[in-house]
Protein backbone atom coordinates (compact mmCIF):
# COMPACT_ATOMS: atom_id res chain seq x y z
CA MET A 1 -142.43 -246.16 11.00
CA ALA A 2 -143.76 -248.49 14.25
CA THR A 3 -145.71 -247.33 16.73
CA GLU A 4 -146.66 -248.11 20.42
CA ALA A 5 -149.87 -250.44 19.05
CA ASP A 6 -147.01 -251.71 17.27
CA VAL A 7 -145.61 -253.02 20.28
CA ARG A 8 -148.40 -253.77 22.20
CA ARG A 9 -149.85 -255.86 19.95
CA LEU A 10 -146.79 -258.08 18.77
CA CYS A 11 -145.94 -258.15 22.49
CA LEU A 12 -148.95 -259.94 23.21
CA ALA A 13 -148.87 -262.10 19.93
CA GLN A 14 -146.21 -263.88 22.03
CA PRO A 15 -147.55 -266.80 24.12
CA GLY A 16 -147.81 -266.24 27.97
CA VAL A 17 -146.65 -262.80 27.00
CA THR A 18 -148.86 -259.64 30.03
CA GLU A 19 -148.42 -256.72 29.96
CA ARG A 20 -147.79 -254.06 33.16
CA THR A 21 -146.18 -250.82 33.94
CA SER A 22 -142.36 -250.84 35.08
CA TRP A 23 -141.13 -247.24 35.76
CA ASP A 24 -144.27 -245.91 35.17
CA GLN A 25 -144.16 -247.61 31.99
CA PRO A 26 -146.11 -250.15 29.58
CA ALA A 27 -144.42 -252.80 30.27
CA TRP A 28 -144.15 -256.81 28.62
CA PHE A 29 -143.10 -259.85 30.47
CA ALA A 30 -142.31 -262.97 28.76
CA LYS A 31 -140.09 -264.56 31.89
CA THR A 32 -138.23 -261.19 32.87
CA LEU A 33 -138.55 -258.30 31.09
CA MET A 34 -138.99 -257.89 27.10
CA ALA A 35 -139.96 -254.76 26.33
CA ARG A 36 -140.87 -251.34 28.01
CA ILE A 37 -141.43 -248.33 26.47
CA TRP A 38 -138.85 -246.45 27.75
CA GLU A 39 -139.96 -243.14 27.17
CA GLU A 40 -142.29 -240.78 24.22
CA GLY A 41 -141.67 -241.74 20.67
CA VAL A 42 -138.59 -245.16 22.19
CA LEU A 43 -138.37 -249.04 22.99
CA THR A 44 -136.34 -251.00 25.27
CA VAL A 45 -136.29 -254.21 24.18
CA LYS A 46 -133.51 -256.89 24.45
CA THR A 47 -131.38 -258.41 21.57
CA ALA A 48 -127.58 -260.24 21.98
CA GLU A 49 -126.46 -257.35 19.42
CA ARG A 50 -126.76 -253.71 21.23
CA GLU A 51 -123.22 -253.46 20.22
CA ALA A 52 -123.86 -254.16 16.34
CA LEU A 53 -127.12 -252.29 16.15
CA ALA A 54 -125.71 -249.30 17.88
CA GLY A 55 -122.72 -249.33 16.13
CA THR A 56 -124.40 -249.38 12.90
CA ASP A 57 -127.28 -247.37 13.29
CA PRO A 58 -127.24 -245.01 15.98
CA ASP A 59 -130.24 -242.88 14.91
CA THR A 60 -132.33 -244.77 15.70
CA PHE A 61 -130.21 -247.57 18.13
CA PHE A 62 -128.37 -246.21 21.12
CA TRP A 63 -128.99 -246.65 24.77
CA THR A 64 -127.99 -244.14 28.35
CA PRO A 65 -125.55 -244.90 31.50
CA HIS A 66 -128.70 -246.74 32.94
CA HIS A 67 -128.45 -249.09 30.95
CA ASP A 68 -124.79 -249.55 31.10
CA ARG A 69 -125.04 -252.31 33.62
CA SER A 70 -127.27 -254.42 31.19
CA PRO A 71 -125.25 -254.85 28.15
CA GLN A 72 -128.48 -256.52 27.00
CA LEU A 73 -130.68 -254.33 26.76
CA VAL A 74 -131.02 -251.36 23.61
CA LEU A 75 -133.02 -247.89 23.04
CA VAL A 76 -135.03 -248.62 19.92
CA ARG A 77 -136.78 -245.47 18.36
CA LEU A 78 -139.80 -246.74 16.58
CA ALA A 79 -140.53 -244.34 13.58
CA LYS A 80 -136.78 -245.50 13.32
CA VAL A 81 -138.54 -249.55 12.13
CA THR A 82 -140.82 -250.88 10.19
CA VAL A 83 -143.82 -253.54 11.95
CA GLU A 84 -141.70 -255.95 10.27
CA GLU A 85 -137.95 -254.56 12.27
CA LEU A 86 -139.56 -254.38 15.75
CA GLY A 87 -141.44 -257.79 14.96
CA GLU A 88 -137.80 -259.37 14.37
CA LEU A 89 -136.87 -257.02 17.79
CA LEU A 90 -139.39 -258.46 20.10
CA GLU A 91 -139.01 -262.25 18.56
CA ASP A 92 -135.51 -261.53 19.86
CA SER A 93 -136.67 -259.98 23.06
CA TYR A 94 -138.53 -263.00 24.35
CA ARG A 95 -137.03 -265.76 23.37
CA LEU A 96 -133.72 -263.27 25.48
CA ALA A 97 -136.92 -262.90 28.71
CA GLY A 98 -137.39 -266.82 28.49
CA GLY A 99 -140.08 -266.96 26.50
CA ARG A 100 -142.06 -270.57 26.30
CA GLY A 101 -139.91 -272.37 23.59
CA ALA A 102 -137.00 -270.88 24.05
């Protein structure tokens, strides 16, 4: 089970990532938004695999109508992913957010 502390540690380990608030929640930015806490226990990340992730594991990956206009954003229930899986999601999100070396 991953936690918000894991999110913070993994995000800030990426070169150039900064933390600030977005919509009154902790958020991490590379060139653009990389990840943001949506609500307690739920993280927003960027992915090119949103449909596939939500289609294969809707208990873990989902989105709300708010996210319909942003097809790269998916919500992740942190309690349903391992720290290793979270790391992979955040690496992909970092790349899509324009992180260095992307």
